[in-house]
């Protein structure tokens, strides 16, 4: 009797979760992150930036920093 009640409870919970997932509102589309021009992009150790990317951020960074 206990096993039958447990199975019915678990099936009821599964149907409830399935209905919750099916009827939930659509998630909003994420907004793109704003780029901060004064901060250089992250770079791995030993990674070399392309020549165009390095020149664009060289003007934004102070020379004596």
Protein backbone atom coordinates (compact mmCIF):
# COMPACT_ATOMS: atom_id res chain seq x y z
CA UNK A 1 0.00 0.00 0.00
CA UNK A 2 2.84 2.40 0.85
CA UNK A 3 4.62 1.68 -2.45
CA UNK A 4 1.43 2.36 -4.43
CA UNK A 5 0.89 5.70 -2.67
CA UNK A 6 4.52 6.66 -3.28
CA UNK A 7 4.22 5.85 -7.00
CA UNK A 8 1.01 7.90 -7.29
CA UNK A 9 2.67 10.81 -5.47
CA UNK A 10 5.74 10.71 -7.73
CA UNK A 11 3.62 10.52 -10.89
CA UNK A 12 1.54 13.47 -9.70
CA UNK A 13 4.66 15.50 -9.01
CA UNK A 14 6.08 14.64 -12.45
CA UNK A 15 2.87 15.72 -14.19
CA UNK A 16 2.87 18.95 -12.17
CA UNK A 17 6.47 19.77 -13.08
CA UNK A 18 5.85 18.95 -16.75
CA UNK A 19 2.83 21.29 -16.78
CA UNK A 20 4.83 24.00 -15.02
CA UNK A 21 7.61 23.79 -17.65
CA UNK A 22 5.14 23.69 -20.55
CA UNK A 23 3.08 26.67 -19.36
CA UNK A 24 5.85 28.97 -18.14
CA UNK A 25 6.28 32.30 -19.93
CA UNK A 26 9.02 32.58 -22.51
CA UNK A 27 12.29 33.87 -21.14
CA UNK A 28 13.28 37.34 -22.36
CA UNK A 29 16.10 37.58 -24.85
CA UNK A 30 19.33 38.67 -23.17
CA UNK A 31 20.56 42.13 -24.01
CA UNK A 32 24.08 42.37 -25.42
CA UNK A 33 26.64 43.66 -22.97
CA UNK A 34 27.76 47.22 -23.46
CA UNK A 35 31.36 47.56 -24.47
CA UNK A 36 33.47 49.97 -22.46
CA UNK A 37 35.96 51.54 -24.82
CA UNK A 38 38.39 52.63 -22.11
CA UNK A 39 38.99 49.05 -20.93
CA UNK A 40 41.14 46.75 -23.08
CA UNK A 41 39.75 43.29 -23.84
CA UNK A 42 40.78 40.29 -21.77
CA UNK A 43 43.73 38.41 -23.12
CA UNK A 44 45.21 35.01 -22.26
CA UNK A 45 48.83 34.73 -21.26
CA UNK A 46 50.85 34.38 -24.44
CA UNK A 47 47.94 35.36 -26.70
CA UNK A 48 48.69 37.98 -29.32
CA UNK A 49 45.96 40.42 -30.35
CA UNK A 50 45.41 41.10 -34.05
CA UNK A 51 47.09 44.32 -35.21
CA UNK A 52 43.78 46.18 -35.67
CA UNK A 53 42.52 45.36 -32.17
CA UNK A 54 45.72 46.45 -30.44
CA UNK A 55 45.76 49.81 -32.24
CA UNK A 56 42.15 50.56 -31.27
CA UNK A 57 42.82 50.12 -27.57
CA UNK A 58 46.25 51.74 -27.53
CA UNK A 59 44.71 55.20 -27.86
CA UNK A 60 42.33 54.57 -24.96
CA UNK A 61 45.01 53.41 -22.52
CA UNK A 62 47.40 55.92 -20.98
CA UNK A 63 51.05 55.43 -21.88
CA UNK A 64 52.38 55.77 -18.29
CA UNK A 65 49.91 53.46 -16.60
